């Protein structure tokens, strides 16, 4: 079963329906968690959104691990008492958000270091399977929490999102004082002990998403493009300890070249075939976010795609679809666009132009800021100034809403909140892109796979 479909089925079933980094000393806005009625400048509004969303990973963290809870409900009880569930991928995004918080003085450097020490302590002791963490951990114990019957062991994609963050942490602290250098070394050791080559399942030229200590390879999910998983192959090729050869990328991920697409939508080339039923379709917008929190798409190219154009076009297609609004949903247009995997009126769903349920997910347009800054700002202004408290709360904008159905649940998901402060920061300063692309192993790995970039 496709991993995303599996996630949708599971989430619905459990009741979700209904470097010593350069100090820039950025000015911070008010600490108030309430939405301001006054008009903020674009710069101040971006900072407000970053600060409030950052709190999901700071104040809202699971207390034992210091990592991100899978979800936080403001308007009701957690389904099946899962308030202690830690998400590895969402926590990777959260660690990158913590670096943003330190850079923007939302927290002190000392407080940030202390949180990172707590996290590294926990990750060193938590369950791992050939170096890979599971999709979910039980926060208090660090033991794997099964995601499904055959998904109770290593999850290579979720682990890749965490590894992307660990490399940024290493780069951020490695020129610091003795204490910070030790922290950087521990983060480095965690990523270097991930056995990427094991997940080739007996030497095949493709990576597999899961391995279970009880079911082995029964999940049987080869990772092939195009979707959110590019970073998994970049990291696997970059590993100096458990690396994979280029053939794994070209034959596995790129399908021997069959990943290319000549299709267009609204005049925008799709460039790569998306893993959606329609051969001319485009997927949810998280596909242009998750791998690119650290991987800088500016000028990044290989024999299959130019990745800036790929990602910008996907965002533009989503926007043009919302402007056309073929189903006539309320509120859609230049001020409200962007579809991704999120809560939905019909359960968790991977919203996209071919799976439109009348639901807008704020993370879709806001995490696309680097690609479409003016258009993303239109959405941010509409959400903050027009919809206001209907969509704004303790940890920033809520996960999803529908004006058509007058549906405004006060719920958050880590994987949707995390990209917002990170991608906004990449738009503003390129912080995480500079950290990740500055890693020598990443430069080597990208060159090994045939990528070209001004950063390598």
Protein backbone atom coordinates (compact mmCIF):
# COMPACT_ATOMS: atom_id res chain seq x y z
CA UNK A 1 0.00 0.00 0.00
CA UNK A 2 1.24 3.53 -0.79
CA UNK A 3 2.64 5.08 2.39
CA UNK A 4 0.47 8.18 2.14
CA UNK A 5 -2.68 6.13 1.60
CA UNK A 6 -1.68 3.98 4.57
CA UNK A 7 -1.29 7.14 6.67
CA UNK A 8 -4.69 8.44 5.57
CA UNK A 9 -6.35 5.15 6.46
CA UNK A 10 -4.66 4.99 9.85
CA UNK A 11 -5.24 8.59 10.86
CA UNK A 12 -8.88 8.40 9.87
CA UNK A 13 -9.32 5.15 11.79
CA UNK A 14 -8.01 6.59 15.06
CA UNK A 15 -10.38 9.49 15.11
CA UNK A 16 -9.03 12.51 13.27
CA UNK A 17 -12.17 13.03 11.26
CA UNK A 18 -14.35 15.95 11.77
CA UNK A 19 27.92 25.75 12.57
CA UNK A 20 28.08 28.33 15.12
CA UNK A 21 25.54 30.05 12.98
CA UNK A 22 26.20 33.70 12.29
CA UNK A 23 24.20 35.74 14.76
CA UNK A 24 21.97 38.10 12.81
CA UNK A 25 20.15 39.56 15.81
CA UNK A 26 16.88 39.79 13.94
CA UNK A 27 14.36 42.09 15.52
CA UNK A 28 11.56 40.19 17.19
CA UNK A 29 7.96 41.32 17.53
CA UNK A 30 5.70 41.07 20.55
CA UNK A 31 5.57 37.86 22.57
CA UNK A 32 1.79 38.03 22.60
CA UNK A 33 0.09 34.83 21.48
CA UNK A 34 -3.00 36.80 20.52
CA UNK A 35 -3.51 38.00 17.00
CA UNK A 36 -2.82 41.72 16.64
CA UNK A 37 -5.63 43.87 15.28
CA UNK A 38 -3.19 46.42 13.94
CA UNK A 39 -1.76 46.15 10.45
CA UNK A 40 1.75 44.71 10.53
CA UNK A 41 4.42 45.24 7.90
CA UNK A 42 5.19 42.23 5.74
CA UNK A 43 8.45 41.71 7.62
CA UNK A 44 6.80 41.93 11.03
CA UNK A 45 4.02 39.61 9.98
CA UNK A 46 6.50 37.01 8.77
CA UNK A 47 8.25 37.18 12.14
CA UNK A 48 4.94 36.88 13.98
CA UNK A 49 4.00 33.77 12.02
CA UNK A 50 7.42 32.21 12.53
CA UNK A 51 7.42 32.93 16.27
CA UNK A 52 3.93 31.60 16.91
CA UNK A 53 4.44 28.44 14.82
CA UNK A 54 7.83 27.82 16.44
CA UNK A 55 6.03 27.46 19.76
CA UNK A 56 4.54 24.16 18.60
CA UNK A 57 8.05 22.70 18.83
CA UNK A 58 9.15 24.66 21.88
CA UNK A 59 6.31 25.00 24.34
CA UNK A 60 4.27 22.19 22.80
CA UNK A 61 7.05 19.58 22.74
CA UNK A 62 6.64 16.18 24.35
CA UNK A 63 8.35 16.74 27.75
CA UNK A 64 10.56 13.66 28.08
CA UNK A 65 12.10 13.72 24.61
CA UNK A 66 11.89 17.41 23.79
CA UNK A 67 10.68 16.29 20.36
CA UNK A 68 7.49 17.10 18.47
CA UNK A 69 4.17 15.54 19.28
CA UNK A 70 2.47 14.02 16.26
CA UNK A 71 -0.47 16.39 16.76
CA UNK A 72 -1.96 18.81 19.23
CA UNK A 73 -5.71 19.36 19.56
CA UNK A 74 -6.87 22.61 21.07
CA UNK A 75 -10.56 21.79 20.74
CA UNK A 76 -10.79 18.33 22.23
CA UNK A 77 -9.18 15.20 23.54
CA UNK A 78 -6.39 13.39 21.78
CA UNK A 79 -7.59 10.28 19.94
CA UNK A 80 -6.67 7.11 21.79
CA UNK A 81 -4.67 9.08 24.39
CA UNK A 82 -1.84 9.63 21.91
CA UNK A 83 -0.60 12.91 23.36
CA UNK A 84 2.70 11.14 24.07
CA UNK A 85 3.29 10.05 20.46
CA UNK A 86 6.49 11.52 19.00
CA UNK A 87 6.87 11.84 15.24
CA UNK A 88 10.39 11.43 13.87
CA UNK A 89 9.90 13.27 10.59
CA UNK A 90 7.95 16.12 12.19
CA UNK A 91 10.60 16.31 14.91
CA UNK A 92 13.27 16.72 12.24
CA UNK A 93 11.34 19.70 10.93
CA UNK A 94 11.03 20.90 14.51
CA UNK A 95 14.78 20.81 15.12
CA UNK A 96 15.25 23.04 12.10
CA UNK A 97 12.55 25.34 13.48
CA UNK A 98 14.50 25.51 16.77
CA UNK A 99 17.52 26.80 14.86
CA UNK A 100 15.27 29.48 13.38
CA UNK A 101 14.09 30.33 16.89
CA UNK A 102 17.65 30.75 18.12
CA UNK A 103 18.62 32.91 15.14
CA UNK A 104 15.62 35.17 15.61
CA UNK A 105 16.02 35.39 19.37
CA UNK A 106 12.73 33.71 20.14
CA UNK A 107 14.79 31.77 22.68
CA UNK A 108 18.30 32.28 24.03
CA UNK A 109 21.22 30.35 22.62
CA UNK A 110 21.70 28.66 26.01
CA UNK A 111 18.07 27.51 26.10
CA UNK A 112 18.41 26.18 22.57
CA UNK A 113 21.57 24.25 23.39
CA UNK A 114 19.89 22.71 26.43
CA UNK A 115 16.94 21.55 24.34
CA UNK A 116 19.22 20.07 21.70
CA UNK A 117 21.14 18.18 24.38
CA UNK A 118 17.86 16.75 25.67
CA UNK A 119 16.90 15.69 22.16
CA UNK A 120 20.27 14.12 21.31
CA UNK A 121 20.30 12.23 24.62
CA UNK A 122 16.90 10.83 23.74
CA UNK A 123 17.66 9.94 20.13
CA UNK A 124 20.83 8.10 21.15
CA UNK A 125 18.79 5.80 23.40
CA UNK A 126 15.57 5.47 21.38
CA UNK A 127 14.72 2.42 19.30
CA UNK A 128 16.53 2.21 15.97
CA UNK A 129 16.53 -0.47 13.31
CA UNK A 130 19.75 -0.65 11.33
CA UNK A 131 20.22 2.97 12.23
CA UNK A 132 16.74 4.12 11.20
CA UNK A 133 14.18 5.39 13.67
CA UNK A 134 10.54 4.32 13.41
CA UNK A 135 7.81 6.62 12.16
CA UNK A 136 6.50 7.03 15.72
CA UNK A 137 8.04 6.71 19.15
CA UNK A 138 6.37 6.53 22.52
CA UNK A 139 7.64 9.73 24.09
CA UNK A 140 8.11 8.61 27.70
CA UNK A 141 9.95 5.37 26.83
CA UNK A 142 11.64 5.91 23.46
CA UNK A 143 10.22 2.63 22.21
CA UNK A 144 8.78 2.19 18.73
CA UNK A 145 5.05 2.74 18.48
CA UNK A 146 3.68 0.72 15.54
CA UNK A 147 2.34 2.84 12.72
CA UNK A 148 0.64 -0.19 11.21
CA UNK A 149 0.96 -3.97 11.27
CA UNK A 150 4.11 -4.15 9.12
CA UNK A 151 5.39 -0.67 9.99
CA UNK A 152 6.78 -1.19 13.48
CA UNK A 153 10.49 -0.80 12.74
CA UNK A 154 12.74 1.41 10.67
CA UNK A 155 11.15 4.13 8.54
CA UNK A 156 13.83 5.37 6.15
CA UNK A 157 11.95 8.43 4.87
CA UNK A 158 11.03 9.75 8.31
CA UNK A 159 14.64 9.07 9.32
CA UNK A 160 15.85 11.09 6.32
CA UNK A 161 13.85 14.09 7.49
CA UNK A 162 15.52 13.77 10.89
CA UNK A 163 18.98 13.29 9.33
CA UNK A 164 18.51 16.43 7.24
CA UNK A 165 17.99 18.32 10.50
CA UNK A 166 20.89 16.65 12.32
CA UNK A 167 23.29 17.79 9.62
CA UNK A 168 22.02 21.35 10.02
CA UNK A 169 22.48 21.08 13.79
CA UNK A 170 26.04 19.86 13.32
CA UNK A 171 26.87 22.67 10.92
CA UNK A 172 25.32 25.26 13.22
CA UNK A 173 27.25 24.28 16.35
CA UNK A 174 30.54 22.87 15.07
CA UNK A 175 32.39 26.18 15.31
CA UNK A 176 31.01 26.98 18.74
CA UNK A 177 32.58 26.58 22.18
CA UNK A 178 33.78 23.23 23.48
CA UNK A 179 30.34 22.34 24.76
CA UNK A 180 28.68 23.11 21.43
CA UNK A 181 31.32 21.24 19.48
CA UNK A 182 30.53 18.15 21.54
CA UNK A 183 26.85 18.57 20.72
CA UNK A 184 27.71 18.88 17.02
CA UNK A 185 29.80 15.70 17.17
CA UNK A 186 26.94 13.74 18.73
CA UNK A 187 24.49 14.93 16.06
CA UNK A 188 27.05 13.94 13.44
CA UNK A 189 27.41 10.44 14.91
CA UNK A 190 23.65 9.89 14.81
CA UNK A 191 23.36 10.60 11.11
CA UNK A 192 26.47 8.64 10.21
CA UNK A 193 25.16 5.47 11.87
CA UNK A 194 22.07 5.28 9.63
CA UNK A 195 22.51 2.15 7.47
CA UNK A 196 21.15 3.45 4.19
CA UNK A 197 22.63 0.52 2.27
CA UNK A 198 20.70 -2.00 4.38
CA UNK A 199 17.48 -0.53 3.04
CA UNK A 200 18.36 -1.66 -0.48
CA UNK A 201 16.86 -5.03 0.53
CA UNK A 202 19.63 -7.40 -0.44
CA UNK A 203 21.48 -5.05 -2.76
CA UNK A 204 18.70 -3.96 -5.11
CA UNK A 205 19.12 -0.67 -6.94
CA UNK A 206 16.27 0.97 -5.07
CA UNK A 207 15.73 1.99 -1.45
CA UNK A 208 12.89 0.54 0.59
CA UNK A 209 10.83 2.64 2.97
CA UNK A 210 10.37 0.12 5.83
CA UNK A 211 12.01 -2.74 7.61
CA UNK A 212 10.33 -4.50 10.51
CA UNK A 213 11.99 -6.69 13.18
CA UNK A 214 8.90 -8.92 13.13
CA UNK A 215 7.74 -8.71 9.49
CA UNK A 216 10.99 -8.02 7.66
CA UNK A 217 10.34 -6.44 4.25
CA UNK A 218 6.63 -7.29 4.24
CA UNK A 219 5.60 -3.64 3.81
CA UNK A 220 7.30 -3.94 0.38
CA UNK A 221 7.39 -0.24 -0.44
CA UNK A 222 10.21 0.71 -2.83
CA UNK A 223 10.82 4.48 -2.83
CA UNK A 224 10.40 5.73 -6.38
CA UNK A 225 9.92 9.28 -7.61
CA UNK A 226 8.47 11.71 -7.78
CA UNK A 227 7.09 12.67 -4.38
CA UNK A 228 8.48 14.01 -1.09
CA UNK A 229 11.34 11.50 -0.81
CA UNK A 230 14.19 12.97 -2.90
CA UNK A 231 16.15 13.86 0.25
CA UNK A 232 16.31 10.15 1.16
CA UNK A 233 18.39 9.37 -1.91
CA UNK A 234 20.57 12.46 -1.53
CA UNK A 235 21.44 11.45 2.04
CA UNK A 236 21.95 7.80 1.13
CA UNK A 237 24.42 8.79 -1.60
CA UNK A 238 26.11 11.30 0.74
CA UNK A 239 26.70 8.96 3.68
CA UNK A 240 30.43 8.38 4.25
CA UNK A 241 29.70 5.24 6.27
CA UNK A 242 26.75 3.43 4.68
CA UNK A 243 26.50 5.05 1.26
CA UNK A 244 24.83 3.73 -1.87
CA UNK A 245 26.07 3.89 -5.48
CA UNK A 246 24.56 6.26 -8.08
CA UNK A 247 22.69 3.40 -9.75
CA UNK A 248 20.35 3.22 -6.78
CA UNK A 249 19.23 6.78 -7.50
CA UNK A 250 19.05 6.53 -11.27
CA UNK A 251 17.40 3.11 -11.49
CA UNK A 252 15.36 3.27 -8.28
CA UNK A 253 14.22 6.84 -7.68
CA UNK A 254 14.39 8.06 -11.31
CA UNK A 255 12.98 4.82 -12.71
CA UNK A 256 15.69 4.59 -15.34
CA UNK A 257 14.67 8.02 -16.67
CA UNK A 258 10.93 7.29 -16.74
CA UNK A 259 10.50 9.90 -14.00
CA UNK A 260 10.52 12.64 -16.65
CA UNK A 261 7.25 14.24 -17.71
CA UNK A 262 6.38 16.32 -20.77
CA UNK A 263 2.98 17.31 -19.36
CA UNK A 264 1.85 20.84 -18.59
CA UNK A 265 -0.94 22.31 -16.53
CA UNK A 266 -2.14 25.90 -16.78
CA UNK A 267 0.86 26.42 -19.05
CA UNK A 268 3.36 25.33 -16.38
CA UNK A 269 5.58 22.31 -17.20
CA UNK A 270 5.16 19.56 -14.59
CA UNK A 271 8.70 18.29 -15.42
CA UNK A 272 8.62 15.09 -13.32
CA UNK A 273 5.85 12.50 -13.15
CA UNK A 274 4.15 12.81 -9.81
CA UNK A 275 3.05 9.72 -7.91
CA UNK A 276 -0.65 10.40 -8.42
CA UNK A 277 -3.24 8.43 -10.42
CA UNK A 278 -3.48 10.99 -13.23
CA UNK A 279 -0.34 10.92 -15.37
CA UNK A 280 -0.74 14.67 -15.90
CA UNK A 281 -1.52 15.38 -12.25
CA UNK A 282 0.41 17.13 -9.53
CA UNK A 283 0.65 16.01 -5.95
CA UNK A 284 0.09 17.78 -2.65
CA UNK A 285 2.39 20.74 -2.01
CA UNK A 286 4.35 19.09 0.78
CA UNK A 287 6.26 17.39 -2.02
CA UNK A 288 7.91 20.75 -2.75
CA UNK A 289 8.70 21.37 0.93
CA UNK A 290 9.93 18.35 2.89
CA UNK A 291 13.05 17.52 0.86
CA UNK A 292 13.86 21.18 0.39
CA UNK A 293 13.96 22.36 3.98
CA UNK A 294 17.71 21.84 3.77
CA UNK A 295 18.31 20.92 0.13
CA UNK A 296 18.60 24.25 -1.68
CA UNK A 297 16.65 24.11 -4.97
CA UNK A 298 18.05 27.42 -6.25
CA UNK A 299 20.03 26.48 -9.34
CA UNK A 300 19.85 22.79 -8.43
CA UNK A 301 19.68 20.60 -11.54
CA UNK A 302 20.36 17.08 -12.68
CA UNK A 303 19.63 15.18 -15.87
CA UNK A 304 15.95 14.93 -14.95
CA UNK A 305 14.89 18.36 -13.70
CA UNK A 306 15.64 21.87 -12.66
CA UNK A 307 14.38 21.75 -9.09
CA UNK A 308 13.58 25.42 -8.61
CA UNK A 309 11.33 25.40 -11.68
CA UNK A 310 9.83 22.07 -10.60
CA UNK A 311 8.80 23.39 -7.21
CA UNK A 312 7.72 26.86 -8.31
CA UNK A 313 5.57 25.38 -11.07
CA UNK A 314 3.84 23.05 -8.64
CA UNK A 315 2.91 26.00 -6.43
CA UNK A 316 1.72 28.03 -9.42
CA UNK A 317 -0.44 25.16 -10.64
CA UNK A 318 -2.10 24.96 -7.22
CA UNK A 319 -2.72 28.71 -7.27
CA UNK A 320 -4.11 28.73 -10.81
CA UNK A 321 -6.40 25.85 -9.92
CA UNK A 322 -7.78 27.77 -6.92
CA UNK A 323 -8.36 30.83 -9.10
CA UNK A 324 -10.23 28.72 -11.66
CA UNK A 325 -12.07 27.02 -8.78
CA UNK A 326 -13.90 24.52 -10.99
CA UNK A 327 -15.96 23.15 -8.09
CA UNK A 328 -17.07 26.58 -6.89
CA UNK A 329 -15.84 26.34 -3.32
CA UNK A 330 -16.25 29.42 -1.12
CA UNK A 331 -13.17 31.57 -0.49
CA UNK A 332 -10.88 30.12 -3.16
CA UNK A 333 -8.84 32.51 -5.29
CA UNK A 334 -5.68 34.60 -5.26
CA UNK A 335 -6.01 35.04 -1.51
CA UNK A 336 -6.68 31.38 -0.67
CA UNK A 337 -4.89 28.58 -2.49
CA UNK A 338 -2.67 25.62 -1.70
CA UNK A 339 -3.55 21.99 -1.13
CA UNK A 340 -1.58 19.39 0.80
CA UNK A 341 -1.97 16.42 3.11
CA UNK A 342 -3.81 17.63 6.19
CA UNK A 343 -6.95 17.30 8.24
CA UNK A 344 -10.11 17.32 6.18
CA UNK A 345 -13.84 17.34 6.56
CA UNK A 346 -13.72 13.73 5.35
CA UNK A 347 -10.74 12.56 7.39
CA UNK A 348 -7.03 13.00 6.77
CA UNK A 349 -6.54 13.52 3.04
CA UNK A 350 -3.76 14.31 0.55
CA UNK A 351 -5.43 17.35 -0.99
CA UNK A 352 -4.31 18.41 -4.47
CA UNK A 353 -6.02 19.80 -7.59
CA UNK A 354 -7.31 16.33 -8.44
CA UNK A 355 -8.42 15.62 -4.87
CA UNK A 356 -10.16 18.84 -3.90
CA UNK A 357 -12.53 18.60 -0.95
CA UNK A 358 -13.03 22.33 -0.42
CA UNK A 359 -10.25 22.40 2.19
CA UNK A 360 -7.36 24.89 2.33
CA UNK A 361 -4.26 23.94 4.34
CA UNK A 362 -2.32 27.10 5.36
CA UNK A 363 1.04 25.30 5.34
CA UNK A 364 0.73 24.73 1.57
CA UNK A 365 1.05 28.37 0.49
CA UNK A 366 3.03 29.57 3.51
CA UNK A 367 5.75 26.93 3.13
CA UNK A 368 5.93 27.87 -0.56
CA UNK A 369 7.20 31.38 0.32
CA UNK A 370 10.59 30.89 -1.37
CA UNK A 371 8.90 29.98 -4.65
CA UNK A 372 5.98 32.40 -4.69
CA UNK A 373 6.67 35.16 -2.14
CA UNK A 374 4.10 37.69 -3.36
CA UNK A 375 1.39 35.10 -3.85
CA UNK A 376 2.13 33.42 -0.50
CA UNK A 377 1.92 36.81 1.20
CA UNK A 378 -1.56 37.28 -0.30
CA UNK A 379 -2.61 34.08 1.47
CA UNK A 380 -0.91 35.03 4.73
CA UNK A 381 -2.66 38.41 4.78
CA UNK A 382 -6.04 36.86 4.07
CA UNK A 383 -5.64 34.24 6.78
CA UNK A 384 -4.37 36.66 9.40
CA UNK A 385 -6.44 39.76 8.64
CA UNK A 386 -9.67 38.41 7.17
CA UNK A 387 -10.26 34.96 8.65
CA UNK A 388 -8.44 35.92 11.82
CA UNK A 389 -9.18 33.95 14.96
CA UNK A 390 -11.11 31.35 12.99
CA UNK A 391 -7.77 30.02 11.73
CA UNK A 392 -5.25 31.52 14.19
CA UNK A 393 -4.35 30.11 17.58
CA UNK A 394 -1.74 29.15 20.13
CA UNK A 395 0.71 27.62 17.65
CA UNK A 396 -0.01 29.76 14.61
CA UNK A 397 -2.47 28.96 11.86
CA UNK A 398 -4.51 25.83 12.40
CA UNK A 399 -3.90 22.89 10.13
CA UNK A 400 -6.83 23.22 7.73
CA UNK A 401 -10.21 24.86 7.19
CA UNK A 402 -13.18 24.99 4.82
CA UNK A 403 -15.20 28.15 4.32
CA UNK A 404 -17.71 26.18 2.25
CA UNK A 405 -18.51 23.90 5.18
CA UNK A 406 -17.91 26.53 7.87
CA UNK A 407 -15.34 24.08 9.26
CA UNK A 408 -12.56 25.59 11.38
CA UNK A 409 -11.09 22.87 13.66
CA UNK A 410 -8.50 24.00 16.19
CA UNK A 411 -5.98 21.27 15.49
CA UNK A 412 -2.32 21.06 14.55
CA UNK A 413 -0.05 18.45 12.92
CA UNK A 414 3.72 18.57 13.37
CA UNK A 415 4.50 17.71 9.75
CA UNK A 416 2.42 20.69 8.59
CA UNK A 417 3.58 23.23 11.19
CA UNK A 418 7.29 22.46 10.85
CA UNK A 419 7.90 23.58 7.27
CA UNK A 420 6.29 27.00 7.85
CA UNK A 421 9.01 28.74 9.96
CA UNK A 422 11.78 26.86 8.15
CA UNK A 423 10.74 27.72 4.60
CA UNK A 424 9.91 31.30 5.55
CA UNK A 425 13.42 31.58 6.97
CA UNK A 426 14.90 30.11 3.80
CA UNK A 427 12.99 32.79 1.91
CA UNK A 428 14.25 35.53 4.22
CA UNK A 429 17.88 34.54 4.85
CA UNK A 430 18.54 31.08 3.39
CA UNK A 431 19.63 29.92 6.86
CA UNK A 432 18.83 26.20 6.63
CA UNK A 433 19.85 26.00 2.98
CA UNK A 434 23.25 27.48 3.82
CA UNK A 435 23.77 25.07 6.69
CA UNK A 436 22.77 21.91 4.86
CA UNK A 437 24.47 22.72 1.58
CA UNK A 438 27.63 23.68 3.47
CA UNK A 439 28.11 20.08 4.62
CA UNK A 440 30.99 18.51 2.65
CA UNK A 441 29.29 15.10 2.51
CA UNK A 442 26.23 16.65 0.86
CA UNK A 443 28.36 18.36 -1.77
CA UNK A 444 30.08 15.06 -2.49
CA UNK A 445 26.82 13.13 -2.60
CA UNK A 446 25.14 15.55 -4.98
CA UNK A 447 28.12 15.50 -7.33
CA UNK A 448 28.11 11.70 -7.15
CA UNK A 449 24.51 11.65 -8.37
CA UNK A 450 25.21 14.11 -11.19
CA UNK A 451 23.64 17.20 -9.65
CA UNK A 452 24.80 20.71 -10.44
CA UNK A 453 24.37 23.65 -8.09
CA UNK A 454 26.10 26.98 -7.35
CA UNK A 455 26.58 25.57 -3.83
CA UNK A 456 28.66 22.54 -4.88
